[in-house]
């Protein structure tokens, strides 16, 4: 699985192998295309996304194909989360209502893939010898993010997509065709934590779904 760096710098891929992939090795930036390093990059991003759901944050996205607004706010420690699509909030309050990851997957279906879904895509591609990937980095909503552009993944559930992941494991951009669903979303606002007063205001205007 060839891994290429199309002239971009290095963002937050911290392991030595990942730095080499991004063109920051001591050898002057020569491309390194070993399968082990390719897999390390994809696995690192997958794990970063999985760990991201343990982090408290509020992220607003623009769905570029439709102009819709999507806000995801999660506070795992308080067992609170909300997904707001346009002006419609849906709430999760932990307890016996299932995992936060599963709830996010359901609430974001057809609008934005969840962290866990994209983590699964990356994990699958890391074991798909037919796939080609290119690394780059970008900044969206003031957040530095590592990006991977995947194509030709014949043995993976999603054969071609682009995803960018921030340093704390939040999706910053995603472009993908998954079955009949087209994802084209980018991060337009981000901050750590969740504003309790904002949640209370949403709860006053919306109805708790309970998961």
C-alpha atoms as a PDB file:
ATOM      1  CA  UNK A   1       0.000   0.000   0.000  1.00  0.00           C
ATOM      2  CA  UNK A   2       1.984   3.020  -1.170  1.00  0.00           C
ATOM      3  CA  UNK A   3       1.963   5.996   1.164  1.00  0.00           C
ATOM      4  CA  UNK A   4       2.915   9.301  -0.383  1.00  0.00           C
ATOM      5  CA  UNK A   5       3.330  12.846   0.888  1.00  0.00           C
ATOM      6  CA  UNK A   6       2.373  15.391  -1.808  1.00  0.00           C
ATOM      7  CA  UNK A   7       4.680  18.162  -0.601  1.00  0.00           C
ATOM      8  CA  UNK A   8       2.898  18.900   2.692  1.00  0.00           C
ATOM      9  CA  UNK A   9       4.481  19.392   6.103  1.00  0.00           C
ATOM     10  CA  UNK A  10       4.032  17.371   9.252  1.00  0.00           C
ATOM     11  CA  UNK A  11       1.241  18.014  11.727  1.00  0.00           C
ATOM     12  CA  UNK A  12       0.657  15.801  14.730  1.00  0.00           C
ATOM     13  CA  UNK A  13       1.651  12.293  13.633  1.00  0.00           C
ATOM     14  CA  UNK A  14       4.001  11.730  16.522  1.00  0.00           C
ATOM     15  CA  UNK A  15       5.641   8.331  16.015  1.00  0.00           C
ATOM     16  CA  UNK A  16       8.984   8.230  14.233  1.00  0.00           C
ATOM     17  CA  UNK A  17       7.597   6.095  11.445  1.00  0.00           C
ATOM     18  CA  UNK A  18       4.763   8.555  10.889  1.00  0.00           C
ATOM     19  CA  UNK A  19       7.140  11.485  10.712  1.00  0.00           C
ATOM     20  CA  UNK A  20       9.097   9.654   8.065  1.00  0.00           C
ATOM     21  CA  UNK A  21       5.898   9.121   6.101  1.00  0.00           C
ATOM     22  CA  UNK A  22       5.128  12.813   6.200  1.00  0.00           C
ATOM     23  CA  UNK A  23       8.530  13.679   4.778  1.00  0.00           C
ATOM     24  CA  UNK A  24      10.205  14.760   8.030  1.00  0.00           C
ATOM     25  CA  UNK A  25      12.780  12.003   8.412  1.00  0.00           C
ATOM     26  CA  UNK A  26      16.469  12.767   8.769  1.00  0.00           C
ATOM     27  CA  UNK A  27      17.070  11.371   5.294  1.00  0.00           C
ATOM     28  CA  UNK A  28      16.009  14.695   3.762  1.00  0.00           C
ATOM     29  CA  UNK A  29      12.381  13.809   3.074  1.00  0.00           C
ATOM     30  CA  UNK A  30      12.797  10.778   0.803  1.00  0.00           C
ATOM     31  CA  UNK A  31       9.555   8.850   0.529  1.00  0.00           C
ATOM     32  CA  UNK A  32       9.276   5.805   2.737  1.00  0.00           C
ATOM     33  CA  UNK A  33       6.845   3.255   1.420  1.00  0.00           C
ATOM     34  CA  UNK A  34       7.105   0.230   3.662  1.00  0.00           C
ATOM     35  CA  UNK A  35       3.904  -1.565   4.547  1.00  0.00           C
ATOM     36  CA  UNK A  36       4.691  -1.338   8.267  1.00  0.00           C
ATOM     37  CA  UNK A  37       4.914   2.459   8.157  1.00  0.00           C
ATOM     38  CA  UNK A  38       1.782   2.781   6.028  1.00  0.00           C
ATOM     39  CA  UNK A  39      -0.114   0.707   8.531  1.00  0.00           C
ATOM     40  CA  UNK A  40       1.313   2.656  11.464  1.00  0.00           C
ATOM     41  CA  UNK A  41      -0.007   5.954  10.073  1.00  0.00           C
ATOM     42  CA  UNK A  42      -3.523   4.642   9.502  1.00  0.00           C
ATOM     43  CA  UNK A  43      -3.663   2.817  12.817  1.00  0.00           C
ATOM     44  CA  UNK A  44      -2.472   5.924  14.675  1.00  0.00           C
ATOM     45  CA  UNK A  45      -5.251   8.033  13.153  1.00  0.00           C
ATOM     46  CA  UNK A  46      -7.806   5.301  13.852  1.00  0.00           C
ATOM     47  CA  UNK A  47      -6.763   5.096  17.495  1.00  0.00           C
ATOM     48  CA  UNK A  48      -6.734   8.880  17.790  1.00  0.00           C
ATOM     49  CA  UNK A  49     -10.361   9.013  16.633  1.00  0.00           C
ATOM     50  CA  UNK A  50     -11.401   6.236  19.009  1.00  0.00           C
ATOM     51  CA  UNK A  51      -9.724   8.049  21.909  1.00  0.00           C
ATOM     52  CA  UNK A  52     -11.285  11.353  20.838  1.00  0.00           C
ATOM     53  CA  UNK A  53     -14.669  10.338  22.191  1.00  0.00           C
ATOM     54  CA  UNK A  54     -13.180  10.378  25.703  1.00  0.00           C
ATOM     55  CA  UNK A  55     -12.453  14.095  25.282  1.00  0.00           C
ATOM     56  CA  UNK A  56     -14.966  16.850  26.138  1.00  0.00           C
ATOM     57  CA  UNK A  57     -15.494  19.166  23.164  1.00  0.00           C
ATOM     58  CA  UNK A  58     -17.953  21.113  21.029  1.00  0.00           C
ATOM     59  CA  UNK A  59     -17.557  20.993  17.245  1.00  0.00           C
ATOM     60  CA  UNK A  60     -19.660  22.698  14.584  1.00  0.00           C
ATOM     61  CA  UNK A  61     -19.641  21.461  10.993  1.00  0.00           C
ATOM     62  CA  UNK A  62     -20.852  22.750   7.663  1.00  0.00           C
ATOM     63  CA  UNK A  63     -22.269  20.103   5.350  1.00  0.00           C
ATOM     64  CA  UNK A  64     -20.872  21.529   2.146  1.00  0.00           C
ATOM     65  CA  UNK A  65     -23.232  19.762  -0.266  1.00  0.00           C
ATOM     66  CA  UNK A  66     -26.388  21.105   1.406  1.00  0.00           C
ATOM     67  CA  UNK A  67     -25.298  24.041   3.575  1.00  0.00           C
ATOM     68  CA  UNK A  68     -26.694  22.349   6.691  1.00  0.00           C
ATOM     69  CA  UNK A  69     -25.177  22.998  10.101  1.00  0.00           C
ATOM     70  CA  UNK A  70     -24.303  20.163  12.488  1.00  0.00           C
ATOM     71  CA  UNK A  71     -23.045  20.610  16.046  1.00  0.00           C
ATOM     72  CA  UNK A  72     -21.632  17.770  18.130  1.00  0.00           C
ATOM     73  CA  UNK A  73     -20.986  18.392  21.828  1.00  0.00           C
ATOM     74  CA  UNK A  74     -19.849  15.611  24.155  1.00  0.00           C
ATOM     75  CA  UNK A  75     -18.885  15.526  27.821  1.00  0.00           C
ATOM     76  CA  UNK A  76     -18.071  11.878  28.603  1.00  0.00           C
ATOM     77  CA  UNK A  77     -17.244  12.535  32.251  1.00  0.00           C
ATOM     78  CA  UNK A  78     -20.636  14.144  32.870  1.00  0.00           C
ATOM     79  CA  UNK A  79     -22.299  11.526  30.616  1.00  0.00           C
ATOM     80  CA  UNK A  80     -23.886  14.237  28.514  1.00  0.00           C
ATOM     81  CA  UNK A  81     -23.940  14.816  24.783  1.00  0.00           C
ATOM     82  CA  UNK A  82     -26.013  16.611  22.189  1.00  0.00           C
ATOM     83  CA  UNK A  83     -26.220  16.504  18.417  1.00  0.00           C
ATOM     84  CA  UNK A  84     -27.846  19.522  16.774  1.00  0.00           C
ATOM     85  CA  UNK A  85     -28.747  19.167  13.099  1.00  0.00           C
ATOM     86  CA  UNK A  86     -29.880  22.577  11.860  1.00  0.00           C
ATOM     87  CA  UNK A  87     -31.908  23.707  14.898  1.00  0.00           C
ATOM     88  CA  UNK A  88     -33.040  20.280  16.122  1.00  0.00           C
ATOM     89  CA  UNK A  89     -31.216  19.026  19.252  1.00  0.00           C
ATOM     90  CA  UNK A  90     -31.088  15.391  20.353  1.00  0.00           C
ATOM     91  CA  UNK A  91     -29.649  14.523  23.771  1.00  0.00           C
ATOM     92  CA  UNK A  92     -27.798  11.612  25.331  1.00  0.00           C
ATOM     93  CA  UNK A  93     -27.518  11.209  29.080  1.00  0.00           C
ATOM     94  CA  UNK A  94     -25.577   7.990  29.499  1.00  0.00           C
ATOM     95  CA  UNK A  95     -26.916   5.530  32.021  1.00  0.00           C
ATOM     96  CA  UNK A  96     -28.447   2.419  30.498  1.00  0.00           C
ATOM     97  CA  UNK A  97     -29.106   3.987  27.109  1.00  0.00           C
ATOM     98  CA  UNK A  98     -26.110   2.443  25.373  1.00  0.00           C
ATOM     99  CA  UNK A  99     -22.646   3.701  24.566  1.00  0.00           C
ATOM    100  CA  UNK A 100     -21.952   7.261  23.469  1.00  0.00           C
ATOM    101  CA  UNK A 101     -20.220   5.960  20.340  1.00  0.00           C
ATOM    102  CA  UNK A 102     -23.268   3.945  19.250  1.00  0.00           C
ATOM    103  CA  UNK A 103     -25.609   6.838  20.001  1.00  0.00           C
ATOM    104  CA  UNK A 104     -23.540   9.267  17.939  1.00  0.00           C
ATOM    105  CA  UNK A 105     -23.496   6.835  15.009  1.00  0.00           C
ATOM    106  CA  UNK A 106     -27.307   6.700  15.029  1.00  0.00           C
ATOM    107  CA  UNK A 107     -27.885  10.435  15.516  1.00  0.00           C
ATOM    108  CA  UNK A 108     -25.386  11.486  12.841  1.00  0.00           C
ATOM    109  CA  UNK A 109     -26.466   8.880  10.283  1.00  0.00           C
ATOM    110  CA  UNK A 110     -26.574  10.285   6.770  1.00  0.00           C
ATOM    111  CA  UNK A 111     -25.157  13.653   7.846  1.00  0.00           C
ATOM    112  CA  UNK A 112     -21.713  13.058   9.360  1.00  0.00           C
ATOM    113  CA  UNK A 113     -19.895   9.801  10.112  1.00  0.00           C
ATOM    114  CA  UNK A 114     -19.069   9.265  13.769  1.00  0.00           C
ATOM    115  CA  UNK A 115     -15.527   8.950  15.108  1.00  0.00           C
ATOM    116  CA  UNK A 116     -16.021   5.209  15.471  1.00  0.00           C
ATOM    117  CA  UNK A 117     -17.152   4.760  11.878  1.00  0.00           C
ATOM    118  CA  UNK A 118     -14.156   6.620  10.461  1.00  0.00           C
ATOM    119  CA  UNK A 119     -11.846   4.789  12.865  1.00  0.00           C
ATOM    120  CA  UNK A 120     -13.205   1.526  11.450  1.00  0.00           C
ATOM    121  CA  UNK A 121     -12.598   2.727   7.871  1.00  0.00           C
ATOM    122  CA  UNK A 122      -8.980   3.580   8.659  1.00  0.00           C
ATOM    123  CA  UNK A 123      -8.402   0.316  10.488  1.00  0.00           C
ATOM    124  CA  UNK A 124      -9.768  -1.657   7.528  1.00  0.00           C
ATOM    125  CA  UNK A 125      -7.611   0.232   5.020  1.00  0.00           C
ATOM    126  CA  UNK A 126      -4.513  -0.398   7.149  1.00  0.00           C
ATOM    127  CA  UNK A 127      -4.924  -4.089   6.284  1.00  0.00           C
ATOM    128  CA  UNK A 128      -5.944  -3.598   2.643  1.00  0.00           C
ATOM    129  CA  UNK A 129      -2.950  -4.129   0.361  1.00  0.00           C
ATOM    130  CA  UNK A 130      -4.860  -2.751  -2.643  1.00  0.00           C
ATOM    131  CA  UNK A 131      -5.271   0.747  -1.155  1.00  0.00           C
ATOM    132  CA  UNK A 132      -3.229   3.840  -1.953  1.00  0.00           C
ATOM    133  CA  UNK A 133      -2.969   6.638   0.600  1.00  0.00           C
ATOM    134  CA  UNK A 134      -1.542  10.144   0.686  1.00  0.00           C
ATOM    135  CA  UNK A 135      -0.812  12.129   3.856  1.00  0.00           C
ATOM    136  CA  UNK A 136      -1.018  15.872   4.295  1.00  0.00           C
ATOM    137  CA  UNK A 137      -2.005  18.347   6.968  1.00  0.00           C
ATOM    138  CA  UNK A 138      -4.250  21.375   7.199  1.00  0.00           C
ATOM    139  CA  UNK A 139      -5.798  23.846   9.631  1.00  0.00           C
ATOM    140  CA  UNK A 140      -9.577  24.140   9.985  1.00  0.00           C
ATOM    141  CA  UNK A 141     -11.402  26.305  12.539  1.00  0.00           C
ATOM    142  CA  UNK A 142      -7.992  27.094  14.021  1.00  0.00           C
ATOM    143  CA  UNK A 143      -7.238  23.412  14.659  1.00  0.00           C
ATOM    144  CA  UNK A 144      -4.239  21.619  13.167  1.00  0.00           C
ATOM    145  CA  UNK A 145      -5.240  18.310  11.591  1.00  0.00           C
ATOM    146  CA  UNK A 146      -3.614  15.348   9.847  1.00  0.00           C
ATOM    147  CA  UNK A 147      -5.311  14.233   6.640  1.00  0.00           C
ATOM    148  CA  UNK A 148      -5.319  11.009   4.674  1.00  0.00           C
ATOM    149  CA  UNK A 149      -6.631  10.575   1.141  1.00  0.00           C
ATOM    150  CA  UNK A 150      -7.551   6.950   0.434  1.00  0.00           C
ATOM    151  CA  UNK A 151      -8.246   5.410  -2.969  1.00  0.00           C
ATOM    152  CA  UNK A 152      -8.498   1.956  -4.481  1.00  0.00           C
ATOM    153  CA  UNK A 153      -9.318   0.127  -1.250  1.00  0.00           C
ATOM    154  CA  UNK A 154     -10.976  -2.877  -2.843  1.00  0.00           C
ATOM    155  CA  UNK A 155     -11.142  -4.979   0.320  1.00  0.00           C
ATOM    156  CA  UNK A 156     -12.418  -2.255   2.654  1.00  0.00           C
ATOM    157  CA  UNK A 157     -16.001  -1.141   3.349  1.00  0.00           C
ATOM    158  CA  UNK A 158     -15.277   2.356   1.951  1.00  0.00           C
ATOM    159  CA  UNK A 159     -13.003   2.271  -1.072  1.00  0.00           C
ATOM    160  CA  UNK A 160     -12.170   5.970  -1.419  1.00  0.00           C
ATOM    161  CA  UNK A 161     -12.415   8.895   0.978  1.00  0.00           C
ATOM    162  CA  UNK A 162     -10.583  11.824   2.499  1.00  0.00           C
ATOM    163  CA  UNK A 163     -10.563  12.506   6.219  1.00  0.00           C
ATOM    164  CA  UNK A 164      -8.742  14.995   8.422  1.00  0.00           C
ATOM    165  CA  UNK A 165      -8.345  14.428  12.167  1.00  0.00           C
ATOM    166  CA  UNK A 166      -7.335  17.051  14.736  1.00  0.00           C
ATOM    167  CA  UNK A 167      -4.622  16.492  17.311  1.00  0.00           C
ATOM    168  CA  UNK A 168      -7.247  15.616  19.961  1.00  0.00           C
ATOM    169  CA  UNK A 169      -9.099  13.140  17.756  1.00  0.00           C
ATOM    170  CA  UNK A 170     -11.955  15.204  16.319  1.00  0.00           C
ATOM    171  CA  UNK A 171     -12.953  14.894  12.659  1.00  0.00           C
ATOM    172  CA  UNK A 172     -11.996  18.131  10.896  1.00  0.00           C
ATOM    173  CA  UNK A 173     -13.063  17.225   7.364  1.00  0.00           C
ATOM    174  CA  UNK A 174     -14.577  14.227   5.646  1.00  0.00           C
ATOM    175  CA  UNK A 175     -15.439  13.496   2.033  1.00  0.00           C
ATOM    176  CA  UNK A 176     -16.765  10.019   1.324  1.00  0.00           C
ATOM    177  CA  UNK A 177     -19.318   7.992  -0.570  1.00  0.00           C
ATOM    178  CA  UNK A 178     -20.739   5.227   1.603  1.00  0.00           C
ATOM    179  CA  UNK A 179     -23.395   3.281  -0.241  1.00  0.00           C
ATOM    180  CA  UNK A 180     -26.116   5.786  -1.114  1.00  0.00           C
ATOM    181  CA  UNK A 181     -24.820   8.370   1.374  1.00  0.00           C
ATOM    182  CA  UNK A 182     -22.481  11.200   0.417  1.00  0.00           C
ATOM    183  CA  UNK A 183     -20.486  12.901   3.196  1.00  0.00           C
ATOM    184  CA  UNK A 184     -18.961  16.337   2.538  1.00  0.00           C
ATOM    185  CA  UNK A 185     -18.447  18.140   5.834  1.00  0.00           C
ATOM    186  CA  UNK A 186     -15.817  20.415   7.344  1.00  0.00           C
ATOM    187  CA  UNK A 187     -15.171  21.824  10.809  1.00  0.00           C
ATOM    188  CA  UNK A 188     -16.101  25.519  11.076  1.00  0.00           C
ATOM    189  CA  UNK A 189     -15.952  26.075  14.850  1.00  0.00           C
ATOM    190  CA  UNK A 190     -14.340  24.183  17.714  1.00  0.00           C
ATOM    191  CA  UNK A 191     -13.597  24.530  21.416  1.00  0.00           C
ATOM    192  CA  UNK A 192     -12.663  22.189  24.228  1.00  0.00           C
ATOM    193  CA  UNK A 193     -15.417  21.451  26.731  1.00  0.00           C
ATOM    194  CA  UNK A 194     -19.174  21.942  26.650  1.00  0.00           C
ATOM    195  CA  UNK A 195     -20.993  25.093  27.804  1.00  0.00           C
ATOM    196  CA  UNK A 196     -23.471  23.998  30.482  1.00  0.00           C
ATOM    197  CA  UNK A 197     -25.648  27.102  30.034  1.00  0.00           C
ATOM    198  CA  UNK A 198     -25.871  26.388  26.316  1.00  0.00           C
ATOM    199  CA  UNK A 199     -26.954  22.808  27.029  1.00  0.00           C
ATOM    200  CA  UNK A 200     -29.608  24.044  29.457  1.00  0.00           C
ATOM    201  CA  UNK A 201     -30.904  26.448  26.818  1.00  0.00           C
ATOM    202  CA  UNK A 202     -31.119  23.670  24.242  1.00  0.00           C
ATOM    203  CA  UNK A 203     -32.906  21.415  26.712  1.00  0.00           C
ATOM    204  CA  UNK A 204     -35.478  24.141  27.299  1.00  0.00           C
ATOM    205  CA  UNK A 205     -36.216  24.378  23.578  1.00  0.00           C
ATOM    206  CA  UNK A 206     -35.814  20.710  22.643  1.00  0.00           C
ATOM    207  CA  UNK A 207     -37.014  17.374  23.930  1.00  0.00           C
ATOM    208  CA  UNK A 208     -34.557  14.918  25.493  1.00  0.00           C
ATOM    209  CA  UNK A 209     -34.415  11.790  23.392  1.00  0.00           C
ATOM    210  CA  UNK A 210     -32.766   9.807  26.181  1.00  0.00           C
ATOM    211  CA  UNK A 211     -30.495   7.959  23.731  1.00  0.00           C
END
